[in-house]
Amino acid sequence: QAHFTTSRYGNPVLLLGGFRYNKKAGVGAAKGPRARWVCVKVGDGCRAAIRTYYDEIIELKQQHNHL
């Protein structure tokens, strides 16, 4: 079950399966029903990502390179 919340800085965060995802900034990402979320470890090379539409998961790539 996905849980939508905010970080201590007020940024959107998605929690799923013990992993944290940040909302990806970009064209249309901040507005509208579609959003792309990337693992917080993306800077370390993690490629896990989630796409949502009206807060419903429509695509899930759980290729984490960490535990």
PDB file of N, CA and C in Angstrom:
ATOM      1  N   GLN A   1       0.839  -1.182   0.000  1.00  0.00           N
ATOM      2  CA  GLN A   1       0.000   0.000   0.000  1.00  0.00           C
ATOM      3  C   GLN A   1       0.886   1.248   0.000  1.00  0.00           C
ATOM      4  N   ALA A   2       0.680   2.108  -0.957  1.00  0.00           N
ATOM      5  CA  ALA A   2       1.445   3.350  -1.059  1.00  0.00           C
ATOM      6  C   ALA A   2       0.906   4.367  -0.058  1.00  0.00           C
ATOM      7  N   HIS A   3       1.831   5.121   0.522  1.00  0.00           N
ATOM      8  CA  HIS A   3       1.460   6.164   1.480  1.00  0.00           C
ATOM      9  C   HIS A   3       2.093   7.475   1.016  1.00  0.00           C
ATOM     10  N   PHE A   4       1.253   8.474   0.790  1.00  0.00           N
ATOM     11  CA  PHE A   4       1.720   9.788   0.357  1.00  0.00           C
ATOM     12  C   PHE A   4       1.847  10.691   1.575  1.00  0.00           C
ATOM     13  N   THR A   5       2.980  11.362   1.683  1.00  0.00           N
ATOM     14  CA  THR A   5       3.231  12.254   2.810  1.00  0.00           C
ATOM     15  C   THR A   5       4.142  13.385   2.345  1.00  0.00           C
ATOM     16  N   THR A   6       4.650  14.147   3.274  1.00  0.00           N
ATOM     17  CA  THR A   6       5.595  15.207   2.929  1.00  0.00           C
ATOM     18  C   THR A   6       6.848  15.060   3.782  1.00  0.00           C
ATOM     19  N   SER A   7       7.950  15.542   3.240  1.00  0.00           N
ATOM     20  CA  SER A   7       9.216  15.523   3.971  1.00  0.00           C
ATOM     21  C   SER A   7       9.204  16.625   5.024  1.00  0.00           C
ATOM     22  N   ARG A   8      10.225  16.657   5.841  1.00  0.00           N
ATOM     23  CA  ARG A   8      10.297  17.707   6.863  1.00  0.00           C
ATOM     24  C   ARG A   8      10.461  19.091   6.240  1.00  0.00           C
ATOM     25  N   TYR A   9      10.811  19.124   4.952  1.00  0.00           N
ATOM     26  CA  TYR A   9      10.939  20.395   4.229  1.00  0.00           C
ATOM     27  C   TYR A   9       9.673  20.736   3.439  1.00  0.00           C
ATOM     28  N   GLY A  10       8.650  19.882   3.532  1.00  0.00           N
ATOM     29  CA  GLY A  10       7.387  20.144   2.860  1.00  0.00           C
ATOM     30  C   GLY A  10       7.283  19.601   1.450  1.00  0.00           C
ATOM     31  N   ASN A  11       8.266  18.794   1.029  1.00  0.00           N
ATOM     32  CA  ASN A  11       8.237  18.223  -0.319  1.00  0.00           C
ATOM     33  C   ASN A  11       7.456  16.912  -0.330  1.00  0.00           C
ATOM     34  N   PRO A  12       6.780  16.601  -1.442  1.00  0.00           N
ATOM     35  CA  PRO A  12       6.011  15.363  -1.511  1.00  0.00           C
ATOM     36  C   PRO A  12       6.909  14.130  -1.478  1.00  0.00           C
ATOM     37  N   VAL A  13       6.465  13.117  -0.734  1.00  0.00           N
ATOM     38  CA  VAL A  13       7.190  11.856  -0.593  1.00  0.00           C
ATOM     39  C   VAL A  13       6.188  10.718  -0.718  1.00  0.00           C
ATOM     40  N   LEU A  14       6.607   9.650  -1.389  1.00  0.00           N
ATOM     41  CA  LEU A  14       5.795   8.447  -1.502  1.00  0.00           C
ATOM     42  C   LEU A  14       6.551   7.325  -0.791  1.00  0.00           C
ATOM     43  N   LEU A  15       5.866   6.601   0.087  1.00  0.00           N
ATOM     44  CA  LEU A  15       6.456   5.474   0.804  1.00  0.00           C
ATOM     45  C   LEU A  15       5.810   4.192   0.297  1.00  0.00           C
ATOM     46  N   LEU A  16       6.642   3.224  -0.094  1.00  0.00           N
ATOM     47  CA  LEU A  16       6.121   1.957  -0.597  1.00  0.00           C
ATOM     48  C   LEU A  16       7.152   0.862  -0.376  1.00  0.00           C
ATOM     49  N   GLY A  17       6.747  -0.213   0.263  1.00  0.00           N
ATOM     50  CA  GLY A  17       7.612  -1.373   0.438  1.00  0.00           C
ATOM     51  C   GLY A  17       8.884  -1.093   1.214  1.00  0.00           C
ATOM     52  N   GLY A  18       8.839  -0.150   2.127  1.00  0.00           N
ATOM     53  CA  GLY A  18      10.015   0.176   2.911  1.00  0.00           C
ATOM     54  C   GLY A  18      10.985   1.121   2.221  1.00  0.00           C
ATOM     55  N   PHE A  19      10.620   1.609   1.045  1.00  0.00           N
ATOM     56  CA  PHE A  19      11.466   2.544   0.304  1.00  0.00           C
ATOM     57  C   PHE A  19      10.773   3.899   0.211  1.00  0.00           C
ATOM     58  N   ARG A  20      11.578   4.955   0.076  1.00  0.00           N
ATOM     59  CA  ARG A  20      11.084   6.317  -0.056  1.00  0.00           C
ATOM     60  C   ARG A  20      11.339   6.826  -1.463  1.00  0.00           C
ATOM     61  N   TYR A  21      10.372   7.542  -2.004  1.00  0.00           N
ATOM     62  CA  TYR A  21      10.477   8.109  -3.345  1.00  0.00           C
ATOM     63  C   TYR A  21      10.164   9.596  -3.284  1.00  0.00           C
ATOM     64  N   ASN A  22      10.932  10.388  -4.026  1.00  0.00           N
ATOM     65  CA  ASN A  22      10.683  11.822  -4.146  1.00  0.00           C
ATOM     66  C   ASN A  22       9.998  12.107  -5.473  1.00  0.00           C
ATOM     67  N   LYS A  23       9.121  13.100  -5.466  1.00  0.00           N
ATOM     68  CA  LYS A  23       8.442  13.495  -6.694  1.00  0.00           C
ATOM     69  C   LYS A  23       9.444  14.166  -7.613  1.00  0.00           C
ATOM     70  N   LYS A  24       9.503  13.690  -8.839  1.00  0.00           N
ATOM     71  CA  LYS A  24      10.475  14.194  -9.816  1.00  0.00           C
ATOM     72  C   LYS A  24      10.003  15.528 -10.367  1.00  0.00           C
ATOM     73  N   ALA A  25      10.881  16.502 -10.316  1.00  0.00           N
ATOM     74  CA  ALA A  25      10.574  17.810 -10.891  1.00  0.00           C
ATOM     75  C   ALA A  25      10.759  17.748 -12.398  1.00  0.00           C
ATOM     76  N   GLY A  26      10.004  18.545 -13.111  1.00  0.00           N
ATOM     77  CA  GLY A  26      10.116  18.580 -14.559  1.00  0.00           C
ATOM     78  C   GLY A  26       8.847  19.112 -15.176  1.00  0.00           C
ATOM     79  N   VAL A  27       8.772  19.064 -16.462  1.00  0.00           N
ATOM     80  CA  VAL A  27       7.619  19.600 -17.179  1.00  0.00           C
ATOM     81  C   VAL A  27       6.365  18.838 -16.778  1.00  0.00           C
ATOM     82  N   GLY A  28       5.412  19.539 -16.217  1.00  0.00           N
ATOM     83  CA  GLY A  28       4.139  18.941 -15.852  1.00  0.00           C
ATOM     84  C   GLY A  28       4.171  18.107 -14.589  1.00  0.00           C
ATOM     85  N   ALA A  29       5.343  17.917 -13.989  1.00  0.00           N
ATOM     86  CA  ALA A  29       5.427  17.061 -12.809  1.00  0.00           C
ATOM     87  C   ALA A  29       4.779  17.709 -11.591  1.00  0.00           C
ATOM     88  N   ALA A  30       4.875  19.009 -11.501  1.00  0.00           N
ATOM     89  CA  ALA A  30       4.349  19.697 -10.327  1.00  0.00           C
ATOM     90  C   ALA A  30       2.844  19.934 -10.426  1.00  0.00           C
ATOM     91  N   LYS A  31       2.302  19.869 -11.644  1.00  0.00           N
ATOM     92  CA  LYS A  31       0.886  20.135 -11.845  1.00  0.00           C
ATOM     93  C   LYS A  31       0.240  18.937 -12.524  1.00  0.00           C
ATOM     94  N   GLY A  32      -1.063  18.847 -12.416  1.00  0.00           N
ATOM     95  CA  GLY A  32      -1.795  17.819 -13.121  1.00  0.00           C
ATOM     96  C   GLY A  32      -1.816  16.497 -12.383  1.00  0.00           C
ATOM     97  N   PRO A  33      -2.539  15.542 -12.950  1.00  0.00           N
ATOM     98  CA  PRO A  33      -2.757  14.265 -12.262  1.00  0.00           C
ATOM     99  C   PRO A  33      -1.604  13.274 -12.375  1.00  0.00           C
ATOM    100  N   ARG A  34      -0.700  13.478 -13.335  1.00  0.00           N
ATOM    101  CA  ARG A  34       0.396  12.519 -13.522  1.00  0.00           C
ATOM    102  C   ARG A  34       1.629  12.954 -12.748  1.00  0.00           C
ATOM    103  N   ALA A  35       2.362  11.953 -12.232  1.00  0.00           N
ATOM    104  CA  ALA A  35       3.601  12.266 -11.517  1.00  0.00           C
ATOM    105  C   ALA A  35       4.573  11.105 -11.664  1.00  0.00           C
ATOM    106  N   ARG A  36       5.853  11.432 -11.604  1.00  0.00           N
ATOM    107  CA  ARG A  36       6.914  10.425 -11.603  1.00  0.00           C
ATOM    108  C   ARG A  36       7.666  10.571 -10.297  1.00  0.00           C
ATOM    109  N   TRP A  37       7.893   9.444  -9.654  1.00  0.00           N
ATOM    110  CA  TRP A  37       8.576   9.405  -8.370  1.00  0.00           C
ATOM    111  C   TRP A  37       9.837   8.577  -8.528  1.00  0.00           C
ATOM    112  N   VAL A  38      10.946   9.048  -7.955  1.00  0.00           N
ATOM    113  CA  VAL A  38      12.212   8.311  -8.043  1.00  0.00           C
ATOM    114  C   VAL A  38      12.700   7.992  -6.636  1.00  0.00           C
ATOM    115  N   CYS A  39      13.388   6.882  -6.511  1.00  0.00           N
ATOM    116  CA  CYS A  39      13.940   6.465  -5.229  1.00  0.00           C
ATOM    117  C   CYS A  39      14.880   7.546  -4.696  1.00  0.00           C
ATOM    118  N   VAL A  40      14.883   7.737  -3.396  1.00  0.00           N
ATOM    119  CA  VAL A  40      15.743   8.760  -2.802  1.00  0.00           C
ATOM    120  C   VAL A  40      17.220   8.444  -3.007  1.00  0.00           C
ATOM    121  N   LYS A  41      17.543   7.217  -3.372  1.00  0.00           N
ATOM    122  CA  LYS A  41      18.935   6.821  -3.610  1.00  0.00           C
ATOM    123  C   LYS A  41      19.316   6.945  -5.087  1.00  0.00           C
ATOM    124  N   VAL A  42      18.557   7.725  -5.857  1.00  0.00           N
ATOM    125  CA  VAL A  42      18.839   7.896  -7.284  1.00  0.00           C
ATOM    126  C   VAL A  42      20.245   8.447  -7.499  1.00  0.00           C
ATOM    127  N   GLY A  43      20.724   9.261  -6.589  1.00  0.00           N
ATOM    128  CA  GLY A  43      22.074   9.813  -6.689  1.00  0.00           C
ATOM    129  C   GLY A  43      23.156   8.761  -6.558  1.00  0.00           C
ATOM    130  N   ASP A  44      22.796   7.619  -5.957  1.00  0.00           N
ATOM    131  CA  ASP A  44      23.726   6.498  -5.815  1.00  0.00           C
ATOM    132  C   ASP A  44      23.535   5.467  -6.924  1.00  0.00           C
ATOM    133  N   GLY A  45      22.720   5.800  -7.923  1.00  0.00           N
ATOM    134  CA  GLY A  45      22.532   4.927  -9.071  1.00  0.00           C
ATOM    135  C   GLY A  45      21.293   4.052  -9.030  1.00  0.00           C
ATOM    136  N   CYS A  46      20.438   4.207  -8.030  1.00  0.00           N
ATOM    137  CA  CYS A  46      19.220   3.393  -7.970  1.00  0.00           C
ATOM    138  C   CYS A  46      18.261   3.846  -9.070  1.00  0.00           C
ATOM    139  N   ARG A  47      17.698   2.880  -9.790  1.00  0.00           N
ATOM    140  CA  ARG A  47      16.828   3.194 -10.924  1.00  0.00           C
ATOM    141  C   ARG A  47      15.354   2.921 -10.637  1.00  0.00           C
ATOM    142  N   ALA A  48      15.013   2.638  -9.404  1.00  0.00           N
ATOM    143  CA  ALA A  48      13.619   2.378  -9.052  1.00  0.00           C
ATOM    144  C   ALA A  48      12.794   3.652  -9.227  1.00  0.00           C
ATOM    145  N   ALA A  49      11.598   3.491  -9.790  1.00  0.00           N
ATOM    146  CA  ALA A  49      10.732   4.643 -10.034  1.00  0.00           C
ATOM    147  C   ALA A  49       9.278   4.195 -10.062  1.00  0.00           C
ATOM    148  N   ILE A  50       8.402   5.137  -9.837  1.00  0.00           N
ATOM    149  CA  ILE A  50       6.959   4.887  -9.833  1.00  0.00           C
ATOM    150  C   ILE A  50       6.292   5.996 -10.626  1.00  0.00           C
ATOM    151  N   ARG A  51       5.282   5.632 -11.393  1.00  0.00           N
ATOM    152  CA  ARG A  51       4.442   6.628 -12.066  1.00  0.00           C
ATOM    153  C   ARG A  51       3.044   6.525 -11.466  1.00  0.00           C
ATOM    154  N   THR A  52       2.475   7.679 -11.181  1.00  0.00           N
ATOM    155  CA  THR A  52       1.124   7.710 -10.630  1.00  0.00           C
ATOM    156  C   THR A  52       0.225   8.583 -11.497  1.00  0.00           C
ATOM    157  N   TYR A  53      -1.059   8.286 -11.411  1.00  0.00           N
ATOM    158  CA  TYR A  53      -2.093   9.070 -12.079  1.00  0.00           C
ATOM    159  C   TYR A  53      -3.200   9.255 -11.054  1.00  0.00           C
ATOM    160  N   TYR A  54      -3.431  10.491 -10.657  1.00  0.00           N
ATOM    161  CA  TYR A  54      -4.371  10.781  -9.566  1.00  0.00           C
ATOM    162  C   TYR A  54      -4.056   9.928  -8.340  1.00  0.00           C
ATOM    163  N   ASP A  55      -2.809   9.868  -7.959  1.00  0.00           N
ATOM    164  CA  ASP A  55      -2.320   9.141  -6.776  1.00  0.00           C
ATOM    165  C   ASP A  55      -2.554   7.631  -6.841  1.00  0.00           C
ATOM    166  N   GLU A  56      -2.807   7.112  -8.027  1.00  0.00           N
ATOM    167  CA  GLU A  56      -2.917   5.663  -8.228  1.00  0.00           C
ATOM    168  C   GLU A  56      -1.696   5.207  -9.021  1.00  0.00           C
ATOM    169  N   ILE A  57      -1.042   4.149  -8.557  1.00  0.00           N
ATOM    170  CA  ILE A  57       0.156   3.652  -9.228  1.00  0.00           C
ATOM    171  C   ILE A  57      -0.231   3.020 -10.556  1.00  0.00           C
ATOM    172  N   ILE A  58       0.391   3.503 -11.644  1.00  0.00           N
ATOM    173  CA  ILE A  58       0.123   2.939 -12.964  1.00  0.00           C
ATOM    174  C   ILE A  58       1.351   2.234 -13.533  1.00  0.00           C
ATOM    175  N   GLU A  59       2.531   2.522 -12.984  1.00  0.00           N
ATOM    176  CA  GLU A  59       3.755   1.855 -13.427  1.00  0.00           C
ATOM    177  C   GLU A  59       4.707   1.772 -12.245  1.00  0.00           C
ATOM    178  N   LEU A  60       5.325   0.598 -12.093  1.00  0.00           N
ATOM    179  CA  LEU A  60       6.204   0.366 -10.954  1.00  0.00           C
ATOM    180  C   LEU A  60       7.472  -0.321 -11.428  1.00  0.00           C
ATOM    181  N   LYS A  61       8.607   0.326 -11.233  1.00  0.00           N
ATOM    182  CA  LYS A  61       9.909  -0.257 -11.572  1.00  0.00           C
ATOM    183  C   LYS A  61      10.714  -0.347 -10.282  1.00  0.00           C
ATOM    184  N   GLN A  62      10.754  -1.525  -9.698  1.00  0.00           N
ATOM    185  CA  GLN A  62      11.438  -1.708  -8.422  1.00  0.00           C
ATOM    186  C   GLN A  62      12.782  -2.383  -8.632  1.00  0.00           C
ATOM    187  N   GLN A  63      13.681  -1.687  -9.278  1.00  0.00           N
ATOM    188  CA  GLN A  63      15.025  -2.201  -9.533  1.00  0.00           C
ATOM    189  C   GLN A  63      15.998  -1.501  -8.596  1.00  0.00           C
ATOM    190  N   HIS A  64      15.809  -1.702  -7.302  1.00  0.00           N
ATOM    191  CA  HIS A  64      16.682  -1.070  -6.316  1.00  0.00           C
ATOM    192  C   HIS A  64      18.049  -1.747  -6.325  1.00  0.00           C
ATOM    193  N   ASN A  65      19.097  -0.961  -6.147  1.00  0.00           N
ATOM    194  CA  ASN A  65      20.448  -1.513  -6.073  1.00  0.00           C
ATOM    195  C   ASN A  65      20.972  -1.438  -4.639  1.00  0.00           C
ATOM    196  N   HIS A  66      20.057  -1.356  -3.678  1.00  0.00           N
ATOM    197  CA  HIS A  66      20.413  -1.243  -2.259  1.00  0.00           C
ATOM    198  C   HIS A  66      19.310  -1.907  -1.445  1.00  0.00           C
ATOM    199  N   LEU A  67      19.552  -2.095  -0.173  1.00  0.00           N
ATOM    200  CA  LEU A  67      18.527  -2.692   0.694  1.00  0.00           C
ATOM    201  C   LEU A  67      18.061  -1.766   1.764  1.00  0.00           C
TER     202      LEU A  67
END
